Amino acid sequence: GALTELDGAARESGVTLLPEMGMAPGIDLILGRLAVDELDVVHGLRSYGAGLPEPACKGANPIGYKITWTFEGVLKAYMRPARLLRDGKEIAIPAGQIFRPENGHAFEVPGVGAMDAYPNGDALHYIEVFGLGPELREMGRYAMRWPGHNPFWNAMAELGFLDETPRRIGGVDLSPRRFVVEHLAPRLQFEDTERDLVVIRVEAWGLKGGQPRRATYELVDYRDLSTGLFAMNRTVGFTTSIAAQLILSGQVRQPGLLNPARDLSAAAVAEELKKRGMHIDRRVDVS
């Protein structure tokens, strides 16, 4: 994209560009690097990200969702195409079809509950970023919501409610998506006492010393009611601030367009996240 075009100019000017350093992409790439580094050979890498109302307040409205991110941005992402690798084959999912039953799956987050997972953007882009080889059979990036999300938004997409082309309605030019945003946004706000929940979970599997191995890294964070900061604020904002501080302190000096999974010390970033009250759970199993 546009950032890629800036790489050459940034190198010549000695400027560091470090995008993809928020929640997802961001923390998931750091956890992905930690998981991949547990293995000698990687057969699969899957990442999941969720920004949700916590279980106690998910029943506050019929769709089990409240807004911690720009709702316009959420609905725009709902219409993005997606790419992933499954059984060694590249799969391209056209715009508006990510919620179809054949593209999503149910997923259980231990200690949190069952969720609907759906493909999130272009997972193939990250194969090169992680330096993965021809042994790779699966590569997937997924977002998650509470159960019922996928069929509901699949119906909305199929009915054209997420289209962004303006139409003349009652003498006003309005896109269906803009109507949905304006109509639902006031109904999907958090109360001051309600918390959101962020889940970032990455699983890598393959071989270590010739033996099958699976590494799982997970971060679960909740809104901090003492500061009012949502888990979404914390995971996006603190991560971006860590990136800025790494550059300003001179720990990251390399000019050009960088990627967290390739150009940062994942352990150092994980340590900084822990200092800000985030817990990262590591698990390595013989798979």
C-alpha atoms as a PDB file:
ATOM      1  CA  GLY A   1       0.000   0.000   0.000  1.00  0.00           C
ATOM      2  CA  ALA A   2       0.925   3.650   0.409  1.00  0.00           C
ATOM      3  CA  LEU A   3       3.305   2.898   3.296  1.00  0.00           C
ATOM      4  CA  THR A   4       5.303   0.439   1.173  1.00  0.00           C
ATOM      5  CA  GLU A   5       5.936   3.253  -1.297  1.00  0.00           C
ATOM      6  CA  LEU A   6       7.489   5.356   1.484  1.00  0.00           C
ATOM      7  CA  ASP A   7      10.088   2.693   2.359  1.00  0.00           C
ATOM      8  CA  GLY A   8      12.785   3.962  -0.031  1.00  0.00           C
ATOM      9  CA  ALA A   9      12.360   7.615   0.901  1.00  0.00           C
ATOM     10  CA  ALA A  10      12.394   6.729   4.612  1.00  0.00           C
ATOM     11  CA  ARG A  11      15.644   4.772   4.234  1.00  0.00           C
ATOM     12  CA  GLU A  12      17.303   7.634   2.343  1.00  0.00           C
ATOM     13  CA  SER A  13      16.193  10.119   4.991  1.00  0.00           C
ATOM     14  CA  GLY A  14      17.127   7.868   7.920  1.00  0.00           C
ATOM     15  CA  VAL A  15      13.526   7.823   9.152  1.00  0.00           C
ATOM     16  CA  THR A  16      11.990   4.818  10.932  1.00  0.00           C
ATOM     17  CA  LEU A  17       8.428   3.844  10.021  1.00  0.00           C
ATOM     18  CA  LEU A  18       6.822   1.332  12.387  1.00  0.00           C
ATOM     19  CA  PRO A  19       3.139   0.738  11.566  1.00  0.00           C
ATOM     20  CA  GLU A  20       1.118  -2.381  12.527  1.00  0.00           C
ATOM     21  CA  MET A  21       1.959  -1.693  16.149  1.00  0.00           C
ATOM     22  CA  GLY A  22      -1.412  -1.565  17.903  1.00  0.00           C
ATOM     23  CA  MET A  23      -3.639  -4.382  19.108  1.00  0.00           C
ATOM     24  CA  ALA A  24      -4.065  -6.401  15.894  1.00  0.00           C
ATOM     25  CA  PRO A  25      -1.954  -5.988  13.933  1.00  0.00           C
ATOM     26  CA  GLY A  26       0.534  -5.307  16.704  1.00  0.00           C
ATOM     27  CA  ILE A  27       0.414  -7.427  19.846  1.00  0.00           C
ATOM     28  CA  ASP A  28      -0.614 -10.444  17.748  1.00  0.00           C
ATOM     29  CA  LEU A  29       2.573 -10.055  15.675  1.00  0.00           C
ATOM     30  CA  ILE A  30       4.699  -9.885  18.844  1.00  0.00           C
ATOM     31  CA  LEU A  31       3.006 -12.995  20.281  1.00  0.00           C
ATOM     32  CA  GLY A  32       3.300 -14.645  16.869  1.00  0.00           C
ATOM     33  CA  ARG A  33       7.055 -14.059  16.833  1.00  0.00           C
ATOM     34  CA  LEU A  34       7.384 -15.538  20.338  1.00  0.00           C
ATOM     35  CA  ALA A  35       5.333 -18.604  19.303  1.00  0.00           C
ATOM     36  CA  VAL A  36       7.193 -19.125  16.003  1.00  0.00           C
ATOM     37  CA  ASP A  37      10.542 -18.863  17.786  1.00  0.00           C
ATOM     38  CA  GLU A  38       9.570 -21.881  19.929  1.00  0.00           C
ATOM     39  CA  LEU A  39       9.774 -24.061  16.788  1.00  0.00           C
ATOM     40  CA  ASP A  40      12.428 -25.174  14.300  1.00  0.00           C
ATOM     41  CA  VAL A  41       9.878 -25.881  11.560  1.00  0.00           C
ATOM     42  CA  VAL A  42       6.454 -24.172  11.403  1.00  0.00           C
ATOM     43  CA  HIS A  43       3.527 -26.080   9.893  1.00  0.00           C
ATOM     44  CA  GLY A  44       0.799 -23.679  10.966  1.00  0.00           C
ATOM     45  CA  LEU A  45       0.220 -20.236  12.480  1.00  0.00           C
ATOM     46  CA  ARG A  46      -3.168 -18.942  13.539  1.00  0.00           C
ATOM     47  CA  SER A  47      -3.947 -15.676  15.292  1.00  0.00           C
ATOM     48  CA  TYR A  48      -7.189 -14.532  16.890  1.00  0.00           C
ATOM     49  CA  GLY A  49      -8.161 -11.066  18.089  1.00  0.00           C
ATOM     50  CA  ALA A  50     -11.341  -9.926  19.839  1.00  0.00           C
ATOM     51  CA  GLY A  51     -12.616  -6.626  21.228  1.00  0.00           C
ATOM     52  CA  LEU A  52     -15.903  -7.252  23.034  1.00  0.00           C
ATOM     53  CA  PRO A  53     -18.144  -6.314  25.926  1.00  0.00           C
ATOM     54  CA  GLU A  54     -17.203  -8.594  28.833  1.00  0.00           C
ATOM     55  CA  PRO A  55     -19.539 -11.554  29.512  1.00  0.00           C
ATOM     56  CA  ALA A  56     -21.380  -9.692  32.304  1.00  0.00           C
ATOM     57  CA  CYS A  57     -22.668  -7.017  29.893  1.00  0.00           C
ATOM     58  CA  LYS A  58     -22.786  -8.845  26.556  1.00  0.00           C
ATOM     59  CA  GLY A  59     -26.553  -9.357  26.958  1.00  0.00           C
ATOM     60  CA  ALA A  60     -27.210  -5.601  27.147  1.00  0.00           C
ATOM     61  CA  ASN A  61     -28.348  -5.545  23.507  1.00  0.00           C
ATOM     62  CA  PRO A  62     -29.515  -8.158  20.963  1.00  0.00           C
ATOM     63  CA  ILE A  63     -26.215  -8.357  19.058  1.00  0.00           C
ATOM     64  CA  GLY A  64     -23.874  -8.758  22.051  1.00  0.00           C
ATOM     65  CA  TYR A  65     -21.607  -5.955  20.891  1.00  0.00           C
ATOM     66  CA  LYS A  66     -20.610  -2.528  22.177  1.00  0.00           C
ATOM     67  CA  ILE A  67     -18.347   0.061  20.609  1.00  0.00           C
ATOM     68  CA  THR A  68     -14.728   0.623  21.648  1.00  0.00           C
ATOM     69  CA  TRP A  69     -13.478   1.309  18.128  1.00  0.00           C
ATOM     70  CA  THR A  70     -14.871   3.574  15.412  1.00  0.00           C
ATOM     71  CA  PHE A  71     -18.052   1.764  14.367  1.00  0.00           C
ATOM     72  CA  GLU A  72     -17.567   3.019  10.806  1.00  0.00           C
ATOM     73  CA  GLY A  73     -14.165   1.277  10.834  1.00  0.00           C
ATOM     74  CA  VAL A  74     -15.673  -1.939  12.212  1.00  0.00           C
ATOM     75  CA  LEU A  75     -18.321  -2.113   9.483  1.00  0.00           C
ATOM     76  CA  LYS A  76     -15.769  -1.224   6.818  1.00  0.00           C
ATOM     77  CA  ALA A  77     -13.598  -4.135   8.007  1.00  0.00           C
ATOM     78  CA  TYR A  78     -16.693  -6.374   7.797  1.00  0.00           C
ATOM     79  CA  MET A  79     -16.656  -5.801   4.012  1.00  0.00           C
ATOM     80  CA  ARG A  80     -12.944  -6.442   3.428  1.00  0.00           C
ATOM     81  CA  PRO A  81     -11.829  -9.423   1.387  1.00  0.00           C
ATOM     82  CA  ALA A  82      -9.621 -11.975   3.173  1.00  0.00           C
ATOM     83  CA  ARG A  83      -6.846 -14.403   2.236  1.00  0.00           C
ATOM     84  CA  LEU A  84      -5.546 -17.413   4.130  1.00  0.00           C
ATOM     85  CA  LEU A  85      -3.685 -20.675   3.683  1.00  0.00           C
ATOM     86  CA  ARG A  86      -5.472 -23.953   4.432  1.00  0.00           C
ATOM     87  CA  ASP A  87      -4.071 -27.441   3.725  1.00  0.00           C
ATOM     88  CA  GLY A  88      -1.264 -25.766   1.816  1.00  0.00           C
ATOM     89  CA  LYS A  89      -3.706 -24.010  -0.539  1.00  0.00           C
ATOM     90  CA  GLU A  90      -4.263 -20.279  -0.825  1.00  0.00           C
ATOM     91  CA  ILE A  91      -7.893 -19.291  -0.269  1.00  0.00           C
ATOM     92  CA  ALA A  92      -9.284 -15.911  -1.319  1.00  0.00           C
ATOM     93  CA  ILE A  93     -12.584 -14.795   0.231  1.00  0.00           C
ATOM     94  CA  PRO A  94     -14.324 -11.987  -1.699  1.00  0.00           C
ATOM     95  CA  ALA A  95     -15.533  -8.793  -0.019  1.00  0.00           C
ATOM     96  CA  GLY A  96     -18.776  -9.273   1.895  1.00  0.00           C
ATOM     97  CA  GLN A  97     -18.391 -13.047   2.319  1.00  0.00           C
ATOM     98  CA  ILE A  98     -16.226 -13.411   5.452  1.00  0.00           C
ATOM     99  CA  PHE A  99     -19.257 -14.300   7.614  1.00  0.00           C
ATOM    100  CA  ARG A 100     -20.548 -17.106   5.408  1.00  0.00           C
ATOM    101  CA  PRO A 101     -20.747 -20.422   7.327  1.00  0.00           C
ATOM    102  CA  GLU A 102     -17.977 -22.035   5.258  1.00  0.00           C
ATOM    103  CA  ASN A 103     -15.543 -19.220   6.118  1.00  0.00           C
ATOM    104  CA  GLY A 104     -16.047 -18.841   9.877  1.00  0.00           C
ATOM    105  CA  HIS A 105     -15.795 -21.275  12.772  1.00  0.00           C
ATOM    106  CA  ALA A 106     -16.669 -21.605  16.438  1.00  0.00           C
ATOM    107  CA  PHE A 107     -13.784 -21.142  18.844  1.00  0.00           C
ATOM    108  CA  GLU A 108     -13.526 -21.686  22.597  1.00  0.00           C
ATOM    109  CA  VAL A 109     -11.279 -19.304  24.525  1.00  0.00           C
ATOM    110  CA  PRO A 110     -10.364 -21.059  27.802  1.00  0.00           C
ATOM    111  CA  GLY A 111     -11.714 -19.160  30.794  1.00  0.00           C
ATOM    112  CA  VAL A 112     -13.666 -16.746  28.576  1.00  0.00           C
ATOM    113  CA  GLY A 113     -16.120 -18.796  26.535  1.00  0.00           C
ATOM    114  CA  ALA A 114     -17.291 -19.788  23.080  1.00  0.00           C
ATOM    115  CA  MET A 115     -16.998 -17.268  20.247  1.00  0.00           C
ATOM    116  CA  ASP A 116     -17.627 -16.868  16.515  1.00  0.00           C
ATOM    117  CA  ALA A 117     -14.361 -16.498  14.574  1.00  0.00           C
ATOM    118  CA  TYR A 118     -14.193 -15.007  11.073  1.00  0.00           C
ATOM    119  CA  PRO A 119     -11.293 -14.304   8.664  1.00  0.00           C
ATOM    120  CA  ASN A 120      -9.653 -10.929   9.223  1.00  0.00           C
ATOM    121  CA  GLY A 121      -7.755  -9.432   6.293  1.00  0.00           C
ATOM    122  CA  ASP A 122      -4.778 -10.849   4.443  1.00  0.00           C
ATOM    123  CA  ALA A 123      -2.969 -13.549   6.428  1.00  0.00           C
ATOM    124  CA  LEU A 124      -0.696 -14.443   3.482  1.00  0.00           C
ATOM    125  CA  HIS A 125       1.064 -11.069   3.747  1.00  0.00           C
ATOM    126  CA  TYR A 126       2.567 -12.227   7.051  1.00  0.00           C
ATOM    127  CA  ILE A 127       4.155 -15.446   5.746  1.00  0.00           C
ATOM    128  CA  GLU A 128       7.139 -13.459   4.483  1.00  0.00           C
ATOM    129  CA  VAL A 129       7.145 -11.156   7.524  1.00  0.00           C
ATOM    130  CA  PHE A 130       7.599 -14.175   9.833  1.00  0.00           C
ATOM    131  CA  GLY A 131      10.077 -15.775   7.429  1.00  0.00           C
ATOM    132  CA  LEU A 132       8.053 -18.992   7.162  1.00  0.00           C
ATOM    133  CA  GLY A 133       9.080 -21.693   4.683  1.00  0.00           C
ATOM    134  CA  PRO A 134       7.481 -24.077   2.197  1.00  0.00           C
ATOM    135  CA  GLU A 135       6.619 -26.514   5.039  1.00  0.00           C
ATOM    136  CA  LEU A 136       3.809 -24.129   6.071  1.00  0.00           C
ATOM    137  CA  ARG A 137       0.375 -25.730   5.610  1.00  0.00           C
ATOM    138  CA  GLU A 138      -1.881 -23.253   7.407  1.00  0.00           C
ATOM    139  CA  MET A 139      -1.838 -19.487   7.950  1.00  0.00           C
ATOM    140  CA  GLY A 140      -4.907 -17.697   9.276  1.00  0.00           C
ATOM    141  CA  ARG A 141      -5.855 -14.405  10.918  1.00  0.00           C
ATOM    142  CA  TYR A 142      -9.249 -14.293  12.598  1.00  0.00           C
ATOM    143  CA  ALA A 143     -11.332 -11.832  14.593  1.00  0.00           C
ATOM    144  CA  MET A 144     -13.839 -13.046  17.186  1.00  0.00           C
ATOM    145  CA  ARG A 145     -17.210 -11.944  18.555  1.00  0.00           C
ATOM    146  CA  TRP A 146     -19.813 -13.524  20.825  1.00  0.00           C
ATOM    147  CA  PRO A 147     -21.849 -16.412  19.320  1.00  0.00           C
ATOM    148  CA  GLY A 148     -24.532 -15.365  16.824  1.00  0.00           C
ATOM    149  CA  HIS A 149     -22.373 -12.596  15.377  1.00  0.00           C
ATOM    150  CA  ASN A 150     -21.467 -14.328  12.109  1.00  0.00           C
ATOM    151  CA  PRO A 151     -24.993 -15.287  10.958  1.00  0.00           C
ATOM    152  CA  PHE A 152     -26.375 -11.848  11.903  1.00  0.00           C
ATOM    153  CA  TRP A 153     -23.735  -9.845  10.035  1.00  0.00           C
ATOM    154  CA  ASN A 154     -23.765 -12.285   7.141  1.00  0.00           C
ATOM    155  CA  ALA A 155     -27.470 -11.507   6.715  1.00  0.00           C
ATOM    156  CA  MET A 156     -26.768  -7.754   6.980  1.00  0.00           C
ATOM    157  CA  ALA A 157     -24.018  -7.994   4.344  1.00  0.00           C
ATOM    158  CA  GLU A 158     -26.162 -10.133   2.020  1.00  0.00           C
ATOM    159  CA  LEU A 159     -29.050  -7.648   2.328  1.00  0.00           C
ATOM    160  CA  GLY A 160     -26.789  -4.744   1.344  1.00  0.00           C
ATOM    161  CA  PHE A 161     -26.829  -2.966   4.720  1.00  0.00           C
ATOM    162  CA  LEU A 162     -23.013  -2.688   4.688  1.00  0.00           C
ATOM    163  CA  ASP A 163     -22.764  -1.163   1.187  1.00  0.00           C
ATOM    164  CA  GLU A 164     -21.039   2.215   1.104  1.00  0.00           C
ATOM    165  CA  THR A 165     -22.477   3.577  -2.152  1.00  0.00           C
ATOM    166  CA  PRO A 166     -24.826   6.482  -1.317  1.00  0.00           C
ATOM    167  CA  ARG A 167     -28.453   6.219  -2.447  1.00  0.00           C
ATOM    168  CA  ARG A 168     -31.144   8.859  -2.695  1.00  0.00           C
ATOM    169  CA  ILE A 169     -33.502   8.124   0.204  1.00  0.00           C
ATOM    170  CA  GLY A 170     -36.247  10.577   1.158  1.00  0.00           C
ATOM    171  CA  GLY A 171     -34.436  13.397  -0.577  1.00  0.00           C
ATOM    172  CA  VAL A 172     -31.122  12.655   1.176  1.00  0.00           C
ATOM    173  CA  ASP A 173     -27.973  10.968  -0.197  1.00  0.00           C
ATOM    174  CA  LEU A 174     -27.101   8.247   2.310  1.00  0.00           C
ATOM    175  CA  SER A 175     -25.254   4.943   2.096  1.00  0.00           C
ATOM    176  CA  PRO A 176     -26.795   1.914   3.838  1.00  0.00           C
ATOM    177  CA  ARG A 177     -23.617   1.587   5.953  1.00  0.00           C
ATOM    178  CA  ARG A 178     -23.799   5.225   7.085  1.00  0.00           C
ATOM    179  CA  PHE A 179     -27.420   4.677   8.120  1.00  0.00           C
ATOM    180  CA  VAL A 180     -26.475   1.570  10.142  1.00  0.00           C
ATOM    181  CA  VAL A 181     -23.637   3.487  11.849  1.00  0.00           C
ATOM    182  CA  GLU A 182     -25.834   6.482  12.760  1.00  0.00           C
ATOM    183  CA  HIS A 183     -28.770   4.317  13.835  1.00  0.00           C
ATOM    184  CA  LEU A 184     -26.862   1.762  15.938  1.00  0.00           C
ATOM    185  CA  ALA A 185     -23.930   3.729  17.401  1.00  0.00           C
ATOM    186  CA  PRO A 186     -25.974   5.470  20.145  1.00  0.00           C
ATOM    187  CA  ARG A 187     -27.487   2.088  21.110  1.00  0.00           C
ATOM    188  CA  LEU A 188     -24.126   0.305  21.434  1.00  0.00           C
ATOM    189  CA  GLN A 189     -22.286   2.504  23.952  1.00  0.00           C
ATOM    190  CA  PHE A 190     -20.677   1.264  27.166  1.00  0.00           C
ATOM    191  CA  GLU A 191     -21.970   2.448  30.522  1.00  0.00           C
ATOM    192  CA  ASP A 192     -19.361   3.940  32.872  1.00  0.00           C
ATOM    193  CA  THR A 193     -19.361   0.783  35.012  1.00  0.00           C
ATOM    194  CA  GLU A 194     -19.196  -1.708  32.112  1.00  0.00           C
ATOM    195  CA  ARG A 195     -15.937  -3.244  30.979  1.00  0.00           C
ATOM    196  CA  ASP A 196     -14.732  -4.368  27.603  1.00  0.00           C
ATOM    197  CA  LEU A 197     -12.502  -7.346  27.015  1.00  0.00           C
ATOM    198  CA  VAL A 198      -9.654  -7.858  24.550  1.00  0.00           C
ATOM    199  CA  VAL A 199      -8.412 -11.345  23.677  1.00  0.00           C
ATOM    200  CA  ILE A 200      -5.317 -11.875  21.526  1.00  0.00           C
ATOM    201  CA  ARG A 201      -4.368 -15.502  21.017  1.00  0.00           C
ATOM    202  CA  VAL A 202      -1.714 -16.947  18.713  1.00  0.00           C
ATOM    203  CA  GLU A 203      -1.061 -20.636  18.073  1.00  0.00           C
ATOM    204  CA  ALA A 204       1.955 -21.967  16.141  1.00  0.00           C
ATOM    205  CA  TRP A 205       2.597 -25.648  15.544  1.00  0.00           C
ATOM    206  CA  GLY A 206       5.281 -27.698  13.865  1.00  0.00           C
ATOM    207  CA  LEU A 207       8.504 -29.364  14.966  1.00  0.00           C
ATOM    208  CA  LYS A 208      11.100 -28.705  17.655  1.00  0.00           C
ATOM    209  CA  GLY A 209      14.104 -31.032  17.673  1.00  0.00           C
ATOM    210  CA  GLY A 210      12.183 -33.288  15.295  1.00  0.00           C
ATOM    211  CA  GLN A 211       9.261 -33.643  17.743  1.00  0.00           C
ATOM    212  CA  PRO A 212       5.709 -32.282  17.177  1.00  0.00           C
ATOM    213  CA  ARG A 213       5.207 -29.132  19.227  1.00  0.00           C
ATOM    214  CA  ARG A 214       2.483 -26.493  19.653  1.00  0.00           C
ATOM    215  CA  ALA A 215       3.098 -23.080  21.214  1.00  0.00           C
ATOM    216  CA  THR A 216       0.213 -20.865  22.353  1.00  0.00           C
ATOM    217  CA  TYR A 217       0.535 -17.280  23.549  1.00  0.00           C
ATOM    218  CA  GLU A 218      -2.479 -15.371  24.837  1.00  0.00           C
ATOM    219  CA  LEU A 219      -3.172 -11.930  26.232  1.00  0.00           C
ATOM    220  CA  VAL A 220      -6.517 -11.129  27.892  1.00  0.00           C
ATOM    221  CA  ASP A 221      -7.126  -7.585  29.103  1.00  0.00           C
ATOM    222  CA  TYR A 222     -10.135  -5.792  30.634  1.00  0.00           C
ATOM    223  CA  ARG A 223     -11.168  -2.150  30.926  1.00  0.00           C
ATOM    224  CA  ASP A 224      -9.500  -0.407  33.858  1.00  0.00           C
ATOM    225  CA  LEU A 225     -12.417   1.287  35.618  1.00  0.00           C
ATOM    226  CA  SER A 226     -10.044   3.326  37.822  1.00  0.00           C
ATOM    227  CA  THR A 227      -8.688   5.183  34.762  1.00  0.00           C
ATOM    228  CA  GLY A 228     -11.687   4.575  32.492  1.00  0.00           C
ATOM    229  CA  LEU A 229      -9.349   3.243  29.792  1.00  0.00           C
ATOM    230  CA  PHE A 230     -10.916   0.472  27.760  1.00  0.00           C
ATOM    231  CA  ALA A 231      -8.944  -2.695  27.095  1.00  0.00           C
ATOM    232  CA  MET A 232      -9.025  -1.492  23.469  1.00  0.00           C
ATOM    233  CA  ASN A 233      -7.436   1.836  24.504  1.00  0.00           C
ATOM    234  CA  ARG A 234      -4.784  -0.004  26.491  1.00  0.00           C
ATOM    235  CA  THR A 235      -3.842  -2.632  23.928  1.00  0.00           C
ATOM    236  CA  VAL A 236      -3.765  -0.166  21.011  1.00  0.00           C
ATOM    237  CA  GLY A 237      -2.490   2.949  22.803  1.00  0.00           C
ATOM    238  CA  PHE A 238       0.151   1.468  25.100  1.00  0.00           C
ATOM    239  CA  THR A 239       1.529  -0.661  22.260  1.00  0.00           C
ATOM    240  CA  THR A 240       1.853   2.353  19.964  1.00  0.00           C
ATOM    241  CA  SER A 241       3.507   4.285  22.774  1.00  0.00           C
ATOM    242  CA  ILE A 242       5.996   1.433  23.362  1.00  0.00           C
ATOM    243  CA  ALA A 243       6.897   1.602  19.657  1.00  0.00           C
ATOM    244  CA  ALA A 244       7.471   5.371  19.859  1.00  0.00           C
ATOM    245  CA  GLN A 245       9.606   5.019  22.989  1.00  0.00           C
ATOM    246  CA  LEU A 246      11.745   2.258  21.421  1.00  0.00           C
ATOM    247  CA  ILE A 247      12.480   4.589  18.494  1.00  0.00           C
ATOM    248  CA  LEU A 248      13.008   7.740  20.595  1.00  0.00           C
ATOM    249  CA  SER A 249      15.347   5.932  23.017  1.00  0.00           C
ATOM    250  CA  GLY A 250      17.475   4.686  20.110  1.00  0.00           C
ATOM    251  CA  GLN A 251      16.780   1.001  20.813  1.00  0.00           C
ATOM    252  CA  VAL A 252      15.256   0.793  17.337  1.00  0.00           C
ATOM    253  CA  ARG A 253      17.405   2.718  14.860  1.00  0.00           C
ATOM    254  CA  GLN A 254      16.886   0.953  11.554  1.00  0.00           C
ATOM    255  CA  PRO A 255      15.517   3.319   8.886  1.00  0.00           C
ATOM    256  CA  GLY A 256      12.746   2.399   6.452  1.00  0.00           C
ATOM    257  CA  LEU A 257       9.470   0.523   6.815  1.00  0.00           C
ATOM    258  CA  LEU A 258       9.724  -1.948   9.715  1.00  0.00           C
ATOM    259  CA  ASN A 259       7.430  -4.693  10.964  1.00  0.00           C
ATOM    260  CA  PRO A 260       7.106  -5.666  14.653  1.00  0.00           C
ATOM    261  CA  ALA A 261       7.323  -9.405  13.886  1.00  0.00           C
ATOM    262  CA  ARG A 262      10.574  -9.021  11.973  1.00  0.00           C
ATOM    263  CA  ASP A 263      12.394  -5.977  13.323  1.00  0.00           C
ATOM    264  CA  LEU A 264      11.664  -5.709  17.072  1.00  0.00           C
ATOM    265  CA  SER A 265      12.666  -7.781  20.073  1.00  0.00           C
ATOM    266  CA  ALA A 266       9.380  -9.550  20.855  1.00  0.00           C
ATOM    267  CA  ALA A 267      10.597 -10.328  24.377  1.00  0.00           C
ATOM    268  CA  ALA A 268      11.340  -6.634  25.024  1.00  0.00           C
ATOM    269  CA  VAL A 269       7.887  -5.528  23.824  1.00  0.00           C
ATOM    270  CA  ALA A 270       6.206  -8.279  25.874  1.00  0.00           C
ATOM    271  CA  GLU A 271       8.116  -7.067  28.940  1.00  0.00           C
ATOM    272  CA  GLU A 272       6.900  -3.490  28.366  1.00  0.00           C
ATOM    273  CA  LEU A 273       3.286  -4.688  28.015  1.00  0.00           C
ATOM    274  CA  LYS A 274       3.618  -6.560  31.322  1.00  0.00           C
ATOM    275  CA  LYS A 275       4.892  -3.364  32.992  1.00  0.00           C
ATOM    276  CA  ARG A 276       1.603  -1.747  31.943  1.00  0.00           C
ATOM    277  CA  GLY A 277      -0.447  -4.432  33.677  1.00  0.00           C
ATOM    278  CA  MET A 278      -1.070  -6.834  30.818  1.00  0.00           C
ATOM    279  CA  HIS A 279      -0.695 -10.553  31.376  1.00  0.00           C
ATOM    280  CA  ILE A 280       0.708 -12.840  28.665  1.00  0.00           C
ATOM    281  CA  ASP A 281       0.083 -16.554  29.077  1.00  0.00           C
ATOM    282  CA  ARG A 282       2.524 -18.992  27.421  1.00  0.00           C
ATOM    283  CA  ARG A 283       1.861 -22.663  26.858  1.00  0.00           C
ATOM    284  CA  VAL A 284       3.961 -25.202  24.952  1.00  0.00           C
ATOM    285  CA  ASP A 285       2.578 -28.721  24.383  1.00  0.00           C
ATOM    286  CA  VAL A 286       3.706 -31.832  22.582  1.00  0.00           C
ATOM    287  CA  SER A 287       1.098 -31.802  19.808  1.00  0.00           C
END
